[in-house]
Amino acid sequence: MKKVSLGAKPLVFPVPVWCIGTYDKDGKPNVMTVAWGGICSSVPPCVAISLQKIRYTYESLKAQKAFTVNVPSEKYAAEADYFGMVSGKRIDKFSETGLTPVKSSLVNAPYIEEFPMVLECRMIHSYEIGIHTQFIGEILDVKVNSNVVDADGLPDIEKVRPIVFGPEVRSYHSVGDFIGKAFSIGKRS
């Protein structure tokens, strides 16, 4: 039996740390960090991210109908944190961090050159949910740096070294140890 009730909270461990790339109305690249996101469909491949209307990225995403999901490695935890603390309305986050915006060839949004993994997404739906709007993006391509792929050409989580977030306790963590191959460690005879 669970002994402590924490009440209704957005609390589950872990949530991703993703940096969302968009162009503003003047074509300036911007990026913000989100933790409210995840895969929401396999076919077509889609992700869902949730933003508050007060965020500068909100209007850019609505206008461009495109965004990138940039997966920072542990090496860029400080930059990812910074992207979530300041507004692109007042600060050029790329200049401040020294990171490089690259124009996506598939959608009208920038991605971050230095991050090991990026999803290029076309917005296909948006839904108002309380103080957030959930945006559904169809994944048109996944790009990864060549140094983070395994022998089969797929991203290796231990090479990507993504960071995750603990909501409510407000902490970043690295991904833990390998414990087994999915769809095999639970097999029964």
Protein backbone atom coordinates (compact mmCIF):
# COMPACT_ATOMS: atom_id res chain seq x y z
CA MET A 1 0.00 0.00 0.00
CA LYS A 2 1.20 3.48 -0.83
CA LYS A 3 1.57 5.49 2.36
CA VAL A 4 1.86 9.07 1.17
CA SER A 5 -0.65 10.92 -0.97
CA LEU A 6 0.87 13.88 -2.81
CA GLY A 7 -2.36 15.08 -4.42
CA ALA A 8 -2.95 15.89 -8.08
CA LYS A 9 0.39 17.07 -9.50
CA PRO A 10 2.26 16.86 -12.81
CA LEU A 11 4.67 14.41 -11.21
CA VAL A 12 6.06 11.34 -12.94
CA PHE A 13 9.68 10.25 -13.25
CA PRO A 14 11.32 11.04 -15.57
CA VAL A 15 10.25 13.52 -18.21
CA PRO A 16 12.42 14.47 -21.17
CA VAL A 17 14.47 17.62 -21.42
CA TRP A 18 13.84 18.85 -24.94
CA CYS A 19 14.81 22.14 -26.54
CA ILE A 20 12.20 23.34 -29.03
CA GLY A 21 13.46 25.33 -32.01
CA THR A 22 11.29 27.87 -33.85
CA TYR A 23 11.64 31.02 -35.93
CA ASP A 24 9.92 34.14 -34.63
CA LYS A 25 7.87 36.51 -36.80
CA ASP A 26 11.07 38.25 -37.94
CA GLY A 27 12.82 35.00 -38.86
CA LYS A 28 15.10 35.06 -35.80
CA PRO A 29 15.94 31.56 -34.49
CA ASN A 30 14.79 30.87 -30.96
CA VAL A 31 14.83 27.89 -28.64
CA MET A 32 13.08 27.06 -25.37
CA THR A 33 13.27 24.11 -23.03
CA VAL A 34 10.22 21.94 -22.40
CA ALA A 35 9.71 18.97 -20.16
CA TRP A 36 6.03 18.36 -20.89
CA GLY A 37 6.46 16.17 -23.95
CA GLY A 38 6.63 12.68 -25.34
CA ILE A 39 5.93 10.34 -28.22
CA CYS A 40 2.18 10.22 -28.89
CA SER A 41 1.84 8.15 -32.09
CA SER A 42 3.83 5.52 -33.97
CA VAL A 43 2.02 5.81 -37.31
CA PRO A 44 2.34 8.56 -38.28
CA PRO A 45 5.31 9.16 -35.99
CA CYS A 46 4.37 12.10 -33.75
CA VAL A 47 5.44 13.92 -30.61
CA ALA A 48 3.39 16.05 -28.25
CA ILE A 49 4.74 19.09 -26.45
CA SER A 50 2.88 21.46 -24.14
CA LEU A 51 3.52 25.20 -23.85
CA GLN A 52 1.88 28.00 -21.95
CA LYS A 53 0.45 30.82 -24.07
CA ILE A 54 2.67 33.35 -22.28
CA ARG A 55 5.84 31.78 -23.73
CA TYR A 56 7.50 33.60 -26.61
CA THR A 57 7.80 30.33 -28.53
CA TYR A 58 4.02 29.83 -28.42
CA GLU A 59 3.19 32.47 -31.05
CA SER A 60 6.13 31.41 -33.24
CA LEU A 61 5.02 27.80 -33.23
CA LYS A 62 1.42 28.76 -34.03
CA ALA A 63 2.53 31.00 -36.91
CA GLN A 64 5.19 28.71 -38.43
CA LYS A 65 3.33 25.43 -37.80
CA ALA A 66 6.73 23.81 -37.45
CA PHE A 67 9.29 23.09 -34.76
CA THR A 68 12.32 20.99 -33.98
CA VAL A 69 12.83 18.85 -30.92
CA ASN A 70 16.49 19.04 -29.95
CA VAL A 71 17.77 16.42 -27.50
CA PRO A 72 20.61 17.83 -25.41
CA SER A 73 23.33 15.56 -24.09
CA GLU A 74 24.65 15.83 -20.53
CA LYS A 75 27.40 18.08 -21.91
CA TYR A 76 24.77 20.74 -22.68
CA ALA A 77 22.70 20.55 -19.47
CA ALA A 78 23.60 24.13 -18.49
CA GLU A 79 22.57 25.48 -21.90
CA ALA A 80 19.29 23.54 -21.82
CA ASP A 81 18.58 24.94 -18.36
CA TYR A 82 19.38 28.48 -19.55
CA PHE A 83 17.01 28.10 -22.53
CA GLY A 84 14.18 27.55 -20.05
CA MET A 85 15.03 30.51 -17.81
CA VAL A 86 15.14 33.45 -20.24
CA SER A 87 12.84 34.72 -22.96
CA GLY A 88 13.83 34.84 -26.62
CA LYS A 89 11.77 38.02 -26.83
CA ARG A 90 14.57 39.89 -25.05
CA ILE A 91 17.64 37.67 -25.47
CA ASP A 92 19.28 35.94 -28.42
CA LYS A 93 19.81 32.58 -26.74
CA PHE A 94 22.07 31.29 -29.52
CA SER A 95 24.44 34.25 -29.21
CA GLU A 96 24.45 34.01 -25.43
CA THR A 97 25.33 30.29 -25.40
CA GLY A 98 27.53 30.17 -28.49
CA LEU A 99 25.46 27.33 -29.93
CA THR A 100 24.73 27.17 -33.66
CA PRO A 101 21.23 27.38 -35.19
CA VAL A 102 20.87 25.42 -38.44
CA LYS A 103 17.87 25.83 -40.75
CA SER A 104 16.00 22.57 -41.14
CA SER A 105 15.72 21.40 -44.72
CA LEU A 106 12.23 19.95 -44.08
CA VAL A 107 10.40 22.45 -41.85
CA ASN A 108 10.60 26.17 -41.20
CA ALA A 109 12.43 25.85 -37.89
CA PRO A 110 16.04 25.83 -36.67
CA TYR A 111 17.82 23.00 -34.93
CA ILE A 112 20.89 23.07 -32.70
CA GLU A 113 24.01 21.84 -34.48
CA GLU A 114 25.84 20.80 -31.31
CA PHE A 115 23.06 18.60 -29.87
CA PRO A 116 23.35 14.91 -30.80
CA MET A 117 19.75 14.34 -31.89
CA VAL A 118 16.97 16.37 -33.49
CA LEU A 119 13.42 15.66 -34.67
CA GLU A 120 12.04 17.87 -37.44
CA CYS A 121 8.30 18.29 -36.93
CA ARG A 122 5.33 19.70 -38.77
CA MET A 123 2.55 20.79 -36.44
CA ILE A 124 -0.64 18.89 -37.25
CA HIS A 125 -2.85 19.63 -34.20
CA SER A 126 -3.09 21.82 -31.15
CA TYR A 127 -5.33 21.41 -28.12
CA GLU A 128 -6.06 23.75 -25.22
CA ILE A 129 -5.56 21.96 -21.91
CA GLY A 130 -5.82 24.17 -18.85
CA ILE A 131 -2.96 26.68 -18.83
CA HIS A 132 -1.13 24.79 -21.58
CA THR A 133 -1.62 24.18 -25.26
CA GLN A 134 -0.54 20.77 -26.46
CA PHE A 135 1.02 20.78 -29.91
CA ILE A 136 1.19 17.58 -31.91
CA GLY A 137 4.04 17.46 -34.38
CA GLU A 138 4.43 14.86 -37.09
CA ILE A 139 8.06 13.76 -37.15
CA LEU A 140 9.30 14.20 -40.72
CA ASP A 141 12.89 13.21 -39.96
CA VAL A 142 15.18 12.27 -37.10
CA LYS A 143 18.76 13.43 -37.49
CA VAL A 144 21.59 12.19 -35.28
CA ASN A 145 25.30 12.85 -35.14
CA SER A 146 27.28 9.99 -36.64
CA ASN A 147 29.23 9.49 -33.40
CA VAL A 148 26.09 8.48 -31.43
CA VAL A 149 24.83 5.62 -33.61
CA ASP A 150 25.28 1.90 -32.94
CA ALA A 151 26.37 -0.82 -35.38
CA ASP A 152 22.83 -0.89 -36.86
CA GLY A 153 22.86 2.87 -37.51
CA LEU A 154 20.37 3.62 -34.70
CA PRO A 155 20.88 6.15 -31.89
CA ASP A 156 22.60 4.61 -28.88
CA ILE A 157 21.17 6.06 -25.67
CA GLU A 158 24.50 5.63 -23.89
CA LYS A 159 26.20 7.70 -26.61
CA VAL A 160 23.46 10.33 -26.90
CA ARG A 161 23.58 10.76 -23.09
CA PRO A 162 20.21 12.59 -22.87
CA ILE A 163 19.20 14.33 -19.69
CA VAL A 164 15.88 13.95 -17.93
CA PHE A 165 13.98 16.14 -15.50
CA GLY A 166 12.34 15.43 -12.16
CA PRO A 167 9.25 17.64 -11.97
CA GLU A 168 8.26 19.20 -8.65
CA VAL A 169 11.72 18.38 -7.23
CA ARG A 170 13.25 20.40 -10.10
CA SER A 171 16.31 18.30 -10.79
CA TYR A 172 18.19 17.10 -13.87
CA HIS A 173 19.58 13.59 -14.15
CA SER A 174 21.48 11.46 -16.59
CA VAL A 175 20.07 8.23 -17.95
CA GLY A 176 20.90 5.19 -15.83
CA ASP A 177 22.52 1.85 -16.46
CA PHE A 178 21.42 -0.69 -19.06
CA ILE A 179 19.18 -3.29 -17.39
CA GLY A 180 18.06 -5.45 -20.31
CA LYS A 181 16.73 -5.66 -23.85
CA ALA A 182 13.10 -4.54 -24.22
CA PHE A 183 10.53 -7.18 -25.11
CA SER A 184 12.82 -9.93 -23.89
CA ILE A 185 13.62 -9.56 -20.19
CA GLY A 186 9.98 -10.17 -19.26
CA LYS A 187 9.56 -13.38 -21.25
CA ARG A 188 8.16 -16.36 -19.39
CA SER A 189 8.59 -19.98 -20.44
